[in-house]
Amino acid sequence: MYMNCEIEIPDVLGKINRVRKGNTTYIRYVVGRTYHADKKYNIPNQRIIGKRSDKNSDMMISNENFLKYFGVKDSGLLFDLAT
């Protein structure tokens, strides 16, 4: 479920990437990597934390995964999540 407010896309070096599907650009966060020794490369474990805003490309509409990995304190969200 996406929140109804826009926040700035986090600036975490090497952990944030953007994937475009159709007309929507999703913001993904790398939570870990799995190394395949037989193939000698790793695969990132990624979670979608929001989607890019149509109005401002530096902002995104976050979802519950953003709150799980970054928390309410870091997000700048100023509303009660219980409502």
C-alpha atoms as a PDB file:
ATOM      1  CA  MET A   1       0.000   0.000   0.000  1.00  0.00           C
ATOM      2  CA  TYR A   2       1.393   3.363  -1.004  1.00  0.00           C
ATOM      3  CA  MET A   3       1.274   6.415   1.264  1.00  0.00           C
ATOM      4  CA  ASN A   4      -0.535   9.522   0.082  1.00  0.00           C
ATOM      5  CA  CYS A   5       2.420  11.900   0.455  1.00  0.00           C
ATOM      6  CA  GLU A   6       5.678  12.483  -1.399  1.00  0.00           C
ATOM      7  CA  ILE A   7       9.100  12.209   0.209  1.00  0.00           C
ATOM      8  CA  GLU A   8      12.630  12.637  -1.091  1.00  0.00           C
ATOM      9  CA  ILE A   9      14.291   9.571  -2.618  1.00  0.00           C
ATOM     10  CA  PRO A  10      16.949   8.359  -0.137  1.00  0.00           C
ATOM     11  CA  ASP A  11      20.567   9.019  -1.082  1.00  0.00           C
ATOM     12  CA  VAL A  12      22.242   5.707  -0.168  1.00  0.00           C
ATOM     13  CA  LEU A  13      25.304   5.053  -2.312  1.00  0.00           C
ATOM     14  CA  GLY A  14      25.011   1.789  -4.269  1.00  0.00           C
ATOM     15  CA  LYS A  15      21.764   0.684  -2.622  1.00  0.00           C
ATOM     16  CA  ILE A  16      19.056   2.559  -4.570  1.00  0.00           C
ATOM     17  CA  ASN A  17      18.112   1.851  -8.169  1.00  0.00           C
ATOM     18  CA  ARG A  18      15.253   2.723 -10.472  1.00  0.00           C
ATOM     19  CA  VAL A  19      13.315   0.299 -12.673  1.00  0.00           C
ATOM     20  CA  ARG A  20      10.814   1.452 -15.244  1.00  0.00           C
ATOM     21  CA  LYS A  21       7.763  -0.735 -15.933  1.00  0.00           C
ATOM     22  CA  GLY A  22       5.286   0.781 -18.338  1.00  0.00           C
ATOM     23  CA  ASN A  23       4.676   4.394 -17.366  1.00  0.00           C
ATOM     24  CA  THR A  24       5.775   3.909 -13.734  1.00  0.00           C
ATOM     25  CA  THR A  25       9.313   4.098 -12.337  1.00  0.00           C
ATOM     26  CA  TYR A  26       9.763   1.993  -9.190  1.00  0.00           C
ATOM     27  CA  ILE A  27      12.458   2.754  -6.606  1.00  0.00           C
ATOM     28  CA  ARG A  28      14.217  -0.371  -5.333  1.00  0.00           C
ATOM     29  CA  TYR A  29      16.490  -0.812  -2.298  1.00  0.00           C
ATOM     30  CA  VAL A  30      19.208  -3.490  -2.185  1.00  0.00           C
ATOM     31  CA  VAL A  31      18.923  -5.324   1.152  1.00  0.00           C
ATOM     32  CA  GLY A  32      21.623  -7.932   0.500  1.00  0.00           C
ATOM     33  CA  ARG A  33      23.384 -10.049  -2.065  1.00  0.00           C
ATOM     34  CA  THR A  34      23.494 -13.794  -2.729  1.00  0.00           C
ATOM     35  CA  TYR A  35      26.770 -15.150  -4.122  1.00  0.00           C
ATOM     36  CA  HIS A  36      26.670 -18.133  -6.496  1.00  0.00           C
ATOM     37  CA  ALA A  37      30.078 -19.783  -6.197  1.00  0.00           C
ATOM     38  CA  ASP A  38      29.569 -22.109  -9.159  1.00  0.00           C
ATOM     39  CA  LYS A  39      28.702 -19.213 -11.482  1.00  0.00           C
ATOM     40  CA  LYS A  40      31.073 -16.738  -9.743  1.00  0.00           C
ATOM     41  CA  TYR A  41      28.724 -13.763  -9.483  1.00  0.00           C
ATOM     42  CA  ASN A  42      26.249 -12.355  -7.017  1.00  0.00           C
ATOM     43  CA  ILE A  43      22.585 -11.444  -7.330  1.00  0.00           C
ATOM     44  CA  PRO A  44      21.185  -8.489  -5.370  1.00  0.00           C
ATOM     45  CA  ASN A  45      18.176  -9.047  -3.095  1.00  0.00           C
ATOM     46  CA  GLN A  46      15.987  -6.006  -3.756  1.00  0.00           C
ATOM     47  CA  ARG A  47      12.742  -4.644  -2.369  1.00  0.00           C
ATOM     48  CA  ILE A  48      10.507  -1.982  -3.883  1.00  0.00           C
ATOM     49  CA  ILE A  49      10.304   0.945  -1.438  1.00  0.00           C
ATOM     50  CA  GLY A  50       8.176   3.264  -3.550  1.00  0.00           C
ATOM     51  CA  LYS A  51       7.474   4.740  -6.933  1.00  0.00           C
ATOM     52  CA  ARG A  52       8.820   7.958  -8.415  1.00  0.00           C
ATOM     53  CA  SER A  53       6.567  10.975  -8.392  1.00  0.00           C
ATOM     54  CA  ASP A  54       5.194  12.183 -11.709  1.00  0.00           C
ATOM     55  CA  LYS A  55       5.538  15.824 -10.619  1.00  0.00           C
ATOM     56  CA  ASN A  56       9.134  15.822  -9.304  1.00  0.00           C
ATOM     57  CA  SER A  57      11.760  13.249 -10.300  1.00  0.00           C
ATOM     58  CA  ASP A  58      13.642  13.694  -6.982  1.00  0.00           C
ATOM     59  CA  MET A  59      10.597  12.671  -4.935  1.00  0.00           C
ATOM     60  CA  MET A  60       8.809   9.360  -4.472  1.00  0.00           C
ATOM     61  CA  ILE A  61       5.595   7.951  -3.052  1.00  0.00           C
ATOM     62  CA  SER A  62       6.696   5.460  -0.402  1.00  0.00           C
ATOM     63  CA  ASN A  63       5.160   2.157   0.657  1.00  0.00           C
ATOM     64  CA  GLU A  64       5.354   0.024   3.813  1.00  0.00           C
ATOM     65  CA  ASN A  65       8.758  -1.427   2.803  1.00  0.00           C
ATOM     66  CA  PHE A  66      10.241   2.071   3.000  1.00  0.00           C
ATOM     67  CA  LEU A  67       9.039   2.371   6.584  1.00  0.00           C
ATOM     68  CA  LYS A  68      10.472  -1.065   7.390  1.00  0.00           C
ATOM     69  CA  TYR A  69      13.979  -0.277   6.104  1.00  0.00           C
ATOM     70  CA  PHE A  70      14.240   3.476   6.802  1.00  0.00           C
ATOM     71  CA  GLY A  71      11.720   4.079   9.592  1.00  0.00           C
ATOM     72  CA  VAL A  72       9.293   6.914  10.193  1.00  0.00           C
ATOM     73  CA  LYS A  73      11.912   9.132  11.849  1.00  0.00           C
ATOM     74  CA  ASP A  74      14.158   9.244   8.756  1.00  0.00           C
ATOM     75  CA  SER A  75      11.328   9.624   6.287  1.00  0.00           C
ATOM     76  CA  GLY A  76      10.099  13.064   7.333  1.00  0.00           C
ATOM     77  CA  LEU A  77       6.507  11.799   7.444  1.00  0.00           C
ATOM     78  CA  LEU A  78       4.480  13.956   9.796  1.00  0.00           C
ATOM     79  CA  PHE A  79       1.259  12.024  10.222  1.00  0.00           C
ATOM     80  CA  ASP A  80      -0.099   9.329  12.497  1.00  0.00           C
ATOM     81  CA  LEU A  81       0.267   5.905  10.878  1.00  0.00           C
ATOM     82  CA  ALA A  82      -2.613   4.482  12.940  1.00  0.00           C
ATOM     83  CA  THR A  83      -5.218   6.513  11.066  1.00  0.00           C
END
